[in-house]
Amino acid sequence: MPNLRFLLSRRWVLFLLVVLTLAWSAWRLGEWQFDRREDRLARNAVIERNENDPPVPVTEVLAPGSPVADEEEWKRVSATGTYAVEDTVIVRYRTRDGAAGVDVVVPLELSDGSSVLVDRGWLETDNRGATPDDVPSPPAGEVTIEGWARGDATGDSTAVADQSTRAISSERIGESLDREVVTGFVELSSESPEAAEPLQPVELPEQDGGPHFFYGLQWWFFGVLALFGFGYLAYDEARGGPGMVRGRRRSQSPEQAPVDGKHDAGQE
């Protein structure tokens, strides 16, 4: 029976701890990827259900100070009002198919005096970006819109400066414009009357499971590979192979070992 006492040495114990840590981390990362896949599939189910329903008044879904519920995301809504063109906000760094561009957000003033932010679509730009003066104007006068309700983004990317931001937050944009806006915003699908120069419509998210399933399998494979590698090295050490400790010197026989730095006494 192989002598496995070497596994109690400091070197092998530390090696085992490292391998177990790597395997546990790979397992947790795999679970995280599978959880992300489940979240994405649940989101897809909400989108599929909501985007096929008839539109409802925007005030039934979006309200001041009330975050958009998960089940209301991508719900079709409609509203009638007047665009406040002077308060146009540019959303930077919205690349499509490798082309630089921006999203154009304009408040729509409702009859009750509040406003709803409308992402009217995407505009291709050069590398310098765009300003509110560069974008095509929305329809003048009263306009009726339809679109999808969206919740606010969070984090530092929602900061607004010079009517420009990197992510849409109705709270941050409302504060910047000194305007009362409902919480959340609308991704435009249509407006009547139509604009003279319409923007490219909003892209709906892809409704698939994404790459998370295969990423999860990859992480689990790495964890199993780490355990297998440890087992193989331990087996190799136990049967007298080079192993992790012996190295090439320990594999030599006593007769082959050099004496006083010389391999052959006849070379003296």
C-alpha atoms as a PDB file:
ATOM      1  CA  MET A   1       0.000   0.000   0.000  1.00  0.00           C
ATOM      2  CA  PRO A   2       1.449   3.423  -0.922  1.00  0.00           C
ATOM      3  CA  ASN A   3       2.761   5.519   1.923  1.00  0.00           C
ATOM      4  CA  LEU A   4       0.600   8.631   2.103  1.00  0.00           C
ATOM      5  CA  ARG A   5       2.269  10.258   5.096  1.00  0.00           C
ATOM      6  CA  PHE A   6       3.732  12.899   2.804  1.00  0.00           C
ATOM      7  CA  LEU A   7       0.230  14.403   2.586  1.00  0.00           C
ATOM      8  CA  LEU A   8       0.682  15.596   6.185  1.00  0.00           C
ATOM      9  CA  SER A   9       3.724  17.657   5.321  1.00  0.00           C
ATOM     10  CA  ARG A  10       3.456  21.435   5.409  1.00  0.00           C
ATOM     11  CA  ARG A  11       3.951  21.711   1.646  1.00  0.00           C
ATOM     12  CA  TRP A  12       1.148  19.290   0.757  1.00  0.00           C
ATOM     13  CA  VAL A  13      -1.289  20.635   3.331  1.00  0.00           C
ATOM     14  CA  LEU A  14      -0.848  24.148   1.949  1.00  0.00           C
ATOM     15  CA  PHE A  15      -1.172  22.794  -1.580  1.00  0.00           C
ATOM     16  CA  LEU A  16      -4.436  21.047  -0.655  1.00  0.00           C
ATOM     17  CA  LEU A  17      -5.833  24.213   0.930  1.00  0.00           C
ATOM     18  CA  VAL A  18      -5.067  26.210  -2.210  1.00  0.00           C
ATOM     19  CA  VAL A  19      -6.723  23.591  -4.414  1.00  0.00           C
ATOM     20  CA  LEU A  20      -9.824  23.413  -2.201  1.00  0.00           C
ATOM     21  CA  THR A  21     -10.082  27.202  -2.242  1.00  0.00           C
ATOM     22  CA  LEU A  22      -9.856  27.253  -6.035  1.00  0.00           C
ATOM     23  CA  ALA A  23     -12.421  24.466  -6.377  1.00  0.00           C
ATOM     24  CA  TRP A  24     -14.842  26.159  -3.960  1.00  0.00           C
ATOM     25  CA  SER A  25     -14.444  29.500  -5.754  1.00  0.00           C
ATOM     26  CA  ALA A  26     -15.083  27.849  -9.128  1.00  0.00           C
ATOM     27  CA  TRP A  27     -18.202  26.168  -7.733  1.00  0.00           C
ATOM     28  CA  ARG A  28     -19.574  29.458  -6.387  1.00  0.00           C
ATOM     29  CA  LEU A  29     -18.812  31.284  -9.640  1.00  0.00           C
ATOM     30  CA  GLY A  30     -20.609  28.556 -11.548  1.00  0.00           C
ATOM     31  CA  GLU A  31     -23.654  28.901  -9.290  1.00  0.00           C
ATOM     32  CA  TRP A  32     -23.544  32.674  -9.806  1.00  0.00           C
ATOM     33  CA  GLN A  33     -23.665  32.201 -13.573  1.00  0.00           C
ATOM     34  CA  PHE A  34     -26.621  29.818 -13.307  1.00  0.00           C
ATOM     35  CA  ASP A  35     -28.417  32.298 -11.017  1.00  0.00           C
ATOM     36  CA  ARG A  36     -27.849  35.031 -13.607  1.00  0.00           C
ATOM     37  CA  ARG A  37     -29.340  32.770 -16.260  1.00  0.00           C
ATOM     38  CA  GLU A  38     -32.442  32.186 -14.119  1.00  0.00           C
ATOM     39  CA  ASP A  39     -32.795  35.940 -13.557  1.00  0.00           C
ATOM     40  CA  ARG A  40     -32.508  36.564 -17.285  1.00  0.00           C
ATOM     41  CA  LEU A  41     -35.114  33.937 -18.127  1.00  0.00           C
ATOM     42  CA  ALA A  42     -37.475  35.439 -15.551  1.00  0.00           C
ATOM     43  CA  ARG A  43     -36.917  38.904 -17.054  1.00  0.00           C
ATOM     44  CA  ASN A  44     -37.583  37.509 -20.525  1.00  0.00           C
ATOM     45  CA  ALA A  45     -40.891  36.080 -19.345  1.00  0.00           C
ATOM     46  CA  VAL A  46     -41.916  39.505 -17.998  1.00  0.00           C
ATOM     47  CA  ILE A  47     -40.891  41.232 -21.231  1.00  0.00           C
ATOM     48  CA  GLU A  48     -42.739  38.714 -23.403  1.00  0.00           C
ATOM     49  CA  ARG A  49     -45.892  39.083 -21.336  1.00  0.00           C
ATOM     50  CA  ASN A  50     -45.825  42.886 -21.119  1.00  0.00           C
ATOM     51  CA  GLU A  51     -44.740  43.807 -24.628  1.00  0.00           C
ATOM     52  CA  ASN A  52     -47.722  42.004 -26.170  1.00  0.00           C
ATOM     53  CA  ASP A  53     -50.348  43.589 -23.898  1.00  0.00           C
ATOM     54  CA  PRO A  54     -52.302  46.619 -25.122  1.00  0.00           C
ATOM     55  CA  PRO A  55     -50.882  49.942 -23.866  1.00  0.00           C
ATOM     56  CA  VAL A  56     -52.202  51.481 -20.659  1.00  0.00           C
ATOM     57  CA  PRO A  57     -51.989  55.145 -19.541  1.00  0.00           C
ATOM     58  CA  VAL A  58     -48.486  55.937 -18.363  1.00  0.00           C
ATOM     59  CA  THR A  59     -49.807  57.224 -15.026  1.00  0.00           C
ATOM     60  CA  GLU A  60     -51.025  53.694 -14.194  1.00  0.00           C
ATOM     61  CA  VAL A  61     -47.435  52.425 -14.262  1.00  0.00           C
ATOM     62  CA  LEU A  62     -45.160  55.404 -13.531  1.00  0.00           C
ATOM     63  CA  ALA A  63     -45.716  57.737 -10.599  1.00  0.00           C
ATOM     64  CA  PRO A  64     -43.596  60.297  -8.722  1.00  0.00           C
ATOM     65  CA  GLY A  65     -41.506  58.728  -5.960  1.00  0.00           C
ATOM     66  CA  SER A  66     -42.659  55.184  -6.759  1.00  0.00           C
ATOM     67  CA  PRO A  67     -40.002  52.907  -8.310  1.00  0.00           C
ATOM     68  CA  VAL A  68     -41.084  50.774 -11.245  1.00  0.00           C
ATOM     69  CA  ALA A  69     -41.934  47.269 -10.054  1.00  0.00           C
ATOM     70  CA  ASP A  70     -40.107  44.373 -11.679  1.00  0.00           C
ATOM     71  CA  GLU A  71     -43.333  43.010 -13.131  1.00  0.00           C
ATOM     72  CA  GLU A  72     -44.067  46.407 -14.729  1.00  0.00           C
ATOM     73  CA  GLU A  73     -40.765  46.608 -16.622  1.00  0.00           C
ATOM     74  CA  TRP A  74     -41.334  46.767 -20.391  1.00  0.00           C
ATOM     75  CA  LYS A  75     -45.065  47.224 -19.934  1.00  0.00           C
ATOM     76  CA  ARG A  76     -46.578  49.085 -22.884  1.00  0.00           C
ATOM     77  CA  VAL A  77     -47.811  52.568 -21.957  1.00  0.00           C
ATOM     78  CA  SER A  78     -49.232  55.590 -23.733  1.00  0.00           C
ATOM     79  CA  ALA A  79     -49.316  59.291 -22.941  1.00  0.00           C
ATOM     80  CA  THR A  80     -50.378  62.573 -24.508  1.00  0.00           C
ATOM     81  CA  GLY A  81     -48.560  65.837 -23.927  1.00  0.00           C
ATOM     82  CA  THR A  82     -46.058  68.332 -25.274  1.00  0.00           C
ATOM     83  CA  TYR A  83     -42.318  67.800 -25.574  1.00  0.00           C
ATOM     84  CA  ALA A  84     -40.146  70.219 -23.573  1.00  0.00           C
ATOM     85  CA  VAL A  85     -37.413  70.449 -26.208  1.00  0.00           C
ATOM     86  CA  GLU A  86     -35.367  72.944 -24.208  1.00  0.00           C
ATOM     87  CA  ASP A  87     -34.794  70.260 -21.562  1.00  0.00           C
ATOM     88  CA  THR A  88     -33.435  67.595 -23.925  1.00  0.00           C
ATOM     89  CA  VAL A  89     -30.861  65.329 -22.263  1.00  0.00           C
ATOM     90  CA  ILE A  90     -28.187  63.404 -24.161  1.00  0.00           C
ATOM     91  CA  VAL A  91     -27.300  59.865 -23.017  1.00  0.00           C
ATOM     92  CA  ARG A  92     -23.693  59.265 -24.067  1.00  0.00           C
ATOM     93  CA  TYR A  93     -21.784  56.139 -25.129  1.00  0.00           C
ATOM     94  CA  ARG A  94     -24.662  54.205 -26.732  1.00  0.00           C
ATOM     95  CA  THR A  95     -22.788  52.170 -29.333  1.00  0.00           C
ATOM     96  CA  ARG A  96     -24.635  50.117 -31.961  1.00  0.00           C
ATOM     97  CA  ASP A  97     -22.882  47.665 -34.266  1.00  0.00           C
ATOM     98  CA  GLY A  98     -19.575  49.405 -33.596  1.00  0.00           C
ATOM     99  CA  ALA A  99     -20.930  52.880 -34.415  1.00  0.00           C
ATOM    100  CA  ALA A 100     -20.763  55.677 -31.833  1.00  0.00           C
ATOM    101  CA  GLY A 101     -24.044  57.248 -30.861  1.00  0.00           C
ATOM    102  CA  VAL A 102     -26.296  58.704 -28.206  1.00  0.00           C
ATOM    103  CA  ASP A 103     -29.829  58.257 -26.935  1.00  0.00           C
ATOM    104  CA  VAL A 104     -32.036  61.348 -26.861  1.00  0.00           C
ATOM    105  CA  VAL A 105     -34.249  61.860 -23.802  1.00  0.00           C
ATOM    106  CA  VAL A 106     -36.929  64.581 -23.828  1.00  0.00           C
ATOM    107  CA  PRO A 107     -39.482  65.333 -21.068  1.00  0.00           C
ATOM    108  CA  LEU A 108     -43.094  65.054 -22.171  1.00  0.00           C
ATOM    109  CA  GLU A 109     -45.276  67.519 -20.229  1.00  0.00           C
ATOM    110  CA  LEU A 110     -48.576  65.941 -19.209  1.00  0.00           C
ATOM    111  CA  SER A 111     -51.895  67.672 -18.586  1.00  0.00           C
ATOM    112  CA  ASP A 112     -51.517  67.406 -14.786  1.00  0.00           C
ATOM    113  CA  GLY A 113     -48.313  69.489 -14.876  1.00  0.00           C
ATOM    114  CA  SER A 114     -45.921  66.587 -14.302  1.00  0.00           C
ATOM    115  CA  SER A 115     -43.558  65.223 -16.933  1.00  0.00           C
ATOM    116  CA  VAL A 116     -42.444  61.803 -18.099  1.00  0.00           C
ATOM    117  CA  LEU A 117     -38.994  61.260 -19.567  1.00  0.00           C
ATOM    118  CA  VAL A 118     -39.134  59.746 -23.047  1.00  0.00           C
ATOM    119  CA  ASP A 119     -36.128  58.055 -24.620  1.00  0.00           C
ATOM    120  CA  ARG A 120     -36.978  58.919 -28.211  1.00  0.00           C
ATOM    121  CA  GLY A 121     -34.309  56.698 -29.758  1.00  0.00           C
ATOM    122  CA  TRP A 122     -30.726  56.491 -30.967  1.00  0.00           C
ATOM    123  CA  LEU A 123     -28.704  58.928 -33.068  1.00  0.00           C
ATOM    124  CA  GLU A 124     -25.363  58.072 -34.663  1.00  0.00           C
ATOM    125  CA  THR A 125     -22.647  60.614 -33.893  1.00  0.00           C
ATOM    126  CA  ASP A 126     -18.952  61.144 -34.453  1.00  0.00           C
ATOM    127  CA  ASN A 127     -16.471  60.523 -31.649  1.00  0.00           C
ATOM    128  CA  ARG A 128     -17.061  63.910 -30.058  1.00  0.00           C
ATOM    129  CA  GLY A 129     -20.630  62.924 -29.201  1.00  0.00           C
ATOM    130  CA  ALA A 130     -23.548  65.332 -29.450  1.00  0.00           C
ATOM    131  CA  THR A 131     -25.279  68.187 -27.642  1.00  0.00           C
ATOM    132  CA  PRO A 132     -29.019  68.891 -27.378  1.00  0.00           C
ATOM    133  CA  ASP A 133     -28.657  71.394 -30.228  1.00  0.00           C
ATOM    134  CA  ASP A 134     -27.329  68.671 -32.549  1.00  0.00           C
ATOM    135  CA  VAL A 135     -30.306  66.297 -32.427  1.00  0.00           C
ATOM    136  CA  PRO A 136     -33.417  66.405 -34.639  1.00  0.00           C
ATOM    137  CA  SER A 137     -36.430  68.069 -33.041  1.00  0.00           C
ATOM    138  CA  PRO A 138     -39.417  66.006 -31.862  1.00  0.00           C
ATOM    139  CA  PRO A 139     -42.936  66.775 -33.141  1.00  0.00           C
ATOM    140  CA  ALA A 140     -44.193  70.230 -32.117  1.00  0.00           C
ATOM    141  CA  GLY A 141     -47.439  70.755 -30.232  1.00  0.00           C
ATOM    142  CA  GLU A 142     -49.516  68.016 -28.673  1.00  0.00           C
ATOM    143  CA  VAL A 143     -48.258  64.504 -29.364  1.00  0.00           C
ATOM    144  CA  THR A 144     -49.400  61.025 -28.365  1.00  0.00           C
ATOM    145  CA  ILE A 145     -46.711  58.471 -27.659  1.00  0.00           C
ATOM    146  CA  GLU A 146     -46.550  54.757 -27.033  1.00  0.00           C
ATOM    147  CA  GLY A 147     -43.615  52.905 -25.571  1.00  0.00           C
ATOM    148  CA  TRP A 148     -42.287  50.616 -22.848  1.00  0.00           C
ATOM    149  CA  ALA A 149     -42.019  51.532 -19.182  1.00  0.00           C
ATOM    150  CA  ARG A 150     -38.514  51.292 -17.742  1.00  0.00           C
ATOM    151  CA  GLY A 151     -37.015  51.602 -14.292  1.00  0.00           C
ATOM    152  CA  ASP A 152     -34.247  54.034 -13.370  1.00  0.00           C
ATOM    153  CA  ALA A 153     -30.571  53.196 -13.591  1.00  0.00           C
ATOM    154  CA  THR A 154     -28.457  53.593 -10.454  1.00  0.00           C
ATOM    155  CA  GLY A 155     -24.861  54.425  -9.599  1.00  0.00           C
ATOM    156  CA  ASP A 156     -22.361  57.102 -10.547  1.00  0.00           C
ATOM    157  CA  SER A 157     -23.183  56.794 -14.257  1.00  0.00           C
ATOM    158  CA  THR A 158     -26.499  58.577 -13.639  1.00  0.00           C
ATOM    159  CA  ALA A 159     -24.820  61.909 -12.814  1.00  0.00           C
ATOM    160  CA  VAL A 160     -26.065  64.736 -15.052  1.00  0.00           C
ATOM    161  CA  ALA A 161     -23.886  67.611 -16.265  1.00  0.00           C
ATOM    162  CA  ASP A 162     -24.682  70.093 -19.042  1.00  0.00           C
ATOM    163  CA  GLN A 163     -27.827  68.110 -19.907  1.00  0.00           C
ATOM    164  CA  SER A 164     -25.772  65.001 -20.531  1.00  0.00           C
ATOM    165  CA  THR A 165     -25.528  61.682 -18.702  1.00  0.00           C
ATOM    166  CA  ARG A 166     -24.376  58.101 -19.192  1.00  0.00           C
ATOM    167  CA  ALA A 167     -27.466  56.341 -17.797  1.00  0.00           C
ATOM    168  CA  ILE A 168     -31.072  57.425 -17.335  1.00  0.00           C
ATOM    169  CA  SER A 169     -32.283  58.210 -13.829  1.00  0.00           C
ATOM    170  CA  SER A 170     -35.500  60.220 -13.631  1.00  0.00           C
ATOM    171  CA  GLU A 171     -34.554  61.403 -10.150  1.00  0.00           C
ATOM    172  CA  ARG A 172     -31.161  62.763 -11.189  1.00  0.00           C
ATOM    173  CA  ILE A 173     -32.439  64.255 -14.455  1.00  0.00           C
ATOM    174  CA  GLY A 174     -35.450  65.832 -12.721  1.00  0.00           C
ATOM    175  CA  GLU A 175     -33.178  67.461 -10.152  1.00  0.00           C
ATOM    176  CA  SER A 176     -30.819  68.708 -12.859  1.00  0.00           C
ATOM    177  CA  LEU A 177     -33.653  70.209 -14.912  1.00  0.00           C
ATOM    178  CA  ASP A 178     -35.555  71.481 -11.841  1.00  0.00           C
ATOM    179  CA  ARG A 179     -38.597  69.680 -13.190  1.00  0.00           C
ATOM    180  CA  GLU A 180     -41.125  67.345 -11.580  1.00  0.00           C
ATOM    181  CA  VAL A 181     -40.942  64.022 -13.393  1.00  0.00           C
ATOM    182  CA  VAL A 182     -42.517  60.661 -12.692  1.00  0.00           C
ATOM    183  CA  THR A 183     -40.188  57.910 -11.549  1.00  0.00           C
ATOM    184  CA  GLY A 184     -38.846  55.809 -14.399  1.00  0.00           C
ATOM    185  CA  PHE A 185     -38.983  56.617 -18.081  1.00  0.00           C
ATOM    186  CA  VAL A 186     -40.489  55.450 -21.385  1.00  0.00           C
ATOM    187  CA  GLU A 187     -38.628  53.835 -24.278  1.00  0.00           C
ATOM    188  CA  LEU A 188     -40.438  55.217 -27.325  1.00  0.00           C
ATOM    189  CA  SER A 189     -41.984  52.861 -29.888  1.00  0.00           C
ATOM    190  CA  SER A 190     -44.180  55.352 -31.774  1.00  0.00           C
ATOM    191  CA  GLU A 191     -45.379  58.948 -31.657  1.00  0.00           C
ATOM    192  CA  SER A 192     -48.237  60.714 -33.425  1.00  0.00           C
ATOM    193  CA  PRO A 193     -47.709  62.936 -35.269  1.00  0.00           C
ATOM    194  CA  GLU A 194     -44.358  61.579 -36.384  1.00  0.00           C
ATOM    195  CA  ALA A 195     -41.182  63.643 -36.294  1.00  0.00           C
ATOM    196  CA  ALA A 196     -39.813  65.110 -39.503  1.00  0.00           C
ATOM    197  CA  GLU A 197     -36.483  63.362 -38.763  1.00  0.00           C
ATOM    198  CA  PRO A 198     -37.213  60.266 -36.659  1.00  0.00           C
ATOM    199  CA  LEU A 199     -34.480  58.696 -34.574  1.00  0.00           C
ATOM    200  CA  GLN A 200     -33.611  55.023 -34.766  1.00  0.00           C
ATOM    201  CA  PRO A 201     -35.984  53.092 -32.497  1.00  0.00           C
ATOM    202  CA  VAL A 202     -34.996  51.557 -29.202  1.00  0.00           C
ATOM    203  CA  GLU A 203     -33.602  48.029 -29.413  1.00  0.00           C
ATOM    204  CA  LEU A 204     -35.501  45.493 -27.327  1.00  0.00           C
ATOM    205  CA  PRO A 205     -33.303  43.141 -25.287  1.00  0.00           C
ATOM    206  CA  GLU A 206     -32.558  39.711 -26.700  1.00  0.00           C
ATOM    207  CA  GLN A 207     -34.870  37.156 -25.155  1.00  0.00           C
ATOM    208  CA  ASP A 208     -32.568  34.200 -24.693  1.00  0.00           C
ATOM    209  CA  GLY A 209     -30.681  32.658 -21.830  1.00  0.00           C
ATOM    210  CA  GLY A 210     -27.417  34.312 -22.774  1.00  0.00           C
ATOM    211  CA  PRO A 211     -24.024  32.626 -22.323  1.00  0.00           C
ATOM    212  CA  HIS A 212     -24.445  32.047 -18.582  1.00  0.00           C
ATOM    213  CA  PHE A 213     -25.188  28.303 -18.827  1.00  0.00           C
ATOM    214  CA  PHE A 214     -21.910  27.542 -20.611  1.00  0.00           C
ATOM    215  CA  TYR A 215     -19.974  29.960 -18.388  1.00  0.00           C
ATOM    216  CA  GLY A 216     -21.313  28.080 -15.368  1.00  0.00           C
ATOM    217  CA  LEU A 217     -20.237  24.736 -16.808  1.00  0.00           C
ATOM    218  CA  GLN A 218     -16.779  26.150 -17.525  1.00  0.00           C
ATOM    219  CA  TRP A 219     -16.324  27.308 -13.943  1.00  0.00           C
ATOM    220  CA  TRP A 220     -17.385  23.882 -12.614  1.00  0.00           C
ATOM    221  CA  PHE A 221     -15.023  22.191 -15.045  1.00  0.00           C
ATOM    222  CA  PHE A 222     -12.131  24.307 -13.726  1.00  0.00           C
ATOM    223  CA  GLY A 223     -13.005  23.271 -10.172  1.00  0.00           C
ATOM    224  CA  VAL A 224     -13.075  19.574 -11.054  1.00  0.00           C
ATOM    225  CA  LEU A 225      -9.830  19.973 -12.991  1.00  0.00           C
ATOM    226  CA  ALA A 226      -8.116  21.479  -9.933  1.00  0.00           C
ATOM    227  CA  LEU A 227      -9.186  18.530  -7.747  1.00  0.00           C
ATOM    228  CA  PHE A 228      -8.179  16.028 -10.410  1.00  0.00           C
ATOM    229  CA  GLY A 229      -4.770  17.701 -10.748  1.00  0.00           C
ATOM    230  CA  PHE A 230      -4.168  17.465  -7.007  1.00  0.00           C
ATOM    231  CA  GLY A 231      -5.174  13.804  -6.976  1.00  0.00           C
ATOM    232  CA  TYR A 232      -2.881  12.988  -9.871  1.00  0.00           C
ATOM    233  CA  LEU A 233       0.126  14.722  -8.307  1.00  0.00           C
ATOM    234  CA  ALA A 234      -0.522  12.955  -5.009  1.00  0.00           C
ATOM    235  CA  TYR A 235      -0.737   9.592  -6.799  1.00  0.00           C
ATOM    236  CA  ASP A 236       2.467  10.315  -8.682  1.00  0.00           C
ATOM    237  CA  GLU A 237       4.231  11.216  -5.442  1.00  0.00           C
ATOM    238  CA  ALA A 238       2.990   8.084  -3.679  1.00  0.00           C
ATOM    239  CA  ARG A 239       4.194   5.723  -6.412  1.00  0.00           C
ATOM    240  CA  GLY A 240       7.659   7.265  -6.391  1.00  0.00           C
ATOM    241  CA  GLY A 241       7.465   9.509  -9.429  1.00  0.00           C
ATOM    242  CA  PRO A 242       9.143  12.935  -9.606  1.00  0.00           C
ATOM    243  CA  GLY A 243       6.202  14.396  -7.726  1.00  0.00           C
ATOM    244  CA  MET A 244       6.080  17.829  -6.239  1.00  0.00           C
ATOM    245  CA  VAL A 245       8.874  17.323  -3.697  1.00  0.00           C
ATOM    246  CA  ARG A 246      11.318  14.853  -5.086  1.00  0.00           C
ATOM    247  CA  GLY A 247      12.202  16.604  -8.297  1.00  0.00           C
ATOM    248  CA  ARG A 248      14.784  15.352 -10.698  1.00  0.00           C
ATOM    249  CA  ARG A 249      17.562  15.005  -8.096  1.00  0.00           C
ATOM    250  CA  ARG A 250      15.540  12.591  -5.934  1.00  0.00           C
ATOM    251  CA  SER A 251      14.801  10.376  -8.931  1.00  0.00           C
ATOM    252  CA  GLN A 252      18.508   9.642  -9.372  1.00  0.00           C
ATOM    253  CA  SER A 253      20.017   6.461  -7.873  1.00  0.00           C
ATOM    254  CA  PRO A 254      22.863   6.782  -5.345  1.00  0.00           C
ATOM    255  CA  GLU A 255      25.300   5.383  -7.907  1.00  0.00           C
ATOM    256  CA  GLN A 256      24.337   8.176 -10.359  1.00  0.00           C
ATOM    257  CA  ALA A 257      24.708  10.992  -7.839  1.00  0.00           C
ATOM    258  CA  PRO A 258      27.768  13.207  -8.396  1.00  0.00           C
ATOM    259  CA  VAL A 259      30.603  13.000  -5.906  1.00  0.00           C
ATOM    260  CA  ASP A 260      32.386  16.256  -5.040  1.00  0.00           C
ATOM    261  CA  GLY A 261      30.942  17.857  -8.134  1.00  0.00           C
ATOM    262  CA  LYS A 262      32.424  15.189 -10.462  1.00  0.00           C
ATOM    263  CA  HIS A 263      30.544  12.531 -12.432  1.00  0.00           C
ATOM    264  CA  ASP A 264      33.485  10.210 -13.114  1.00  0.00           C
ATOM    265  CA  ALA A 265      36.598   9.647 -11.056  1.00  0.00           C
ATOM    266  CA  GLY A 266      38.467   8.944 -14.249  1.00  0.00           C
ATOM    267  CA  GLN A 267      38.025  12.575 -15.201  1.00  0.00           C
ATOM    268  CA  GLU A 268      40.389  13.728 -12.471  1.00  0.00           C
END
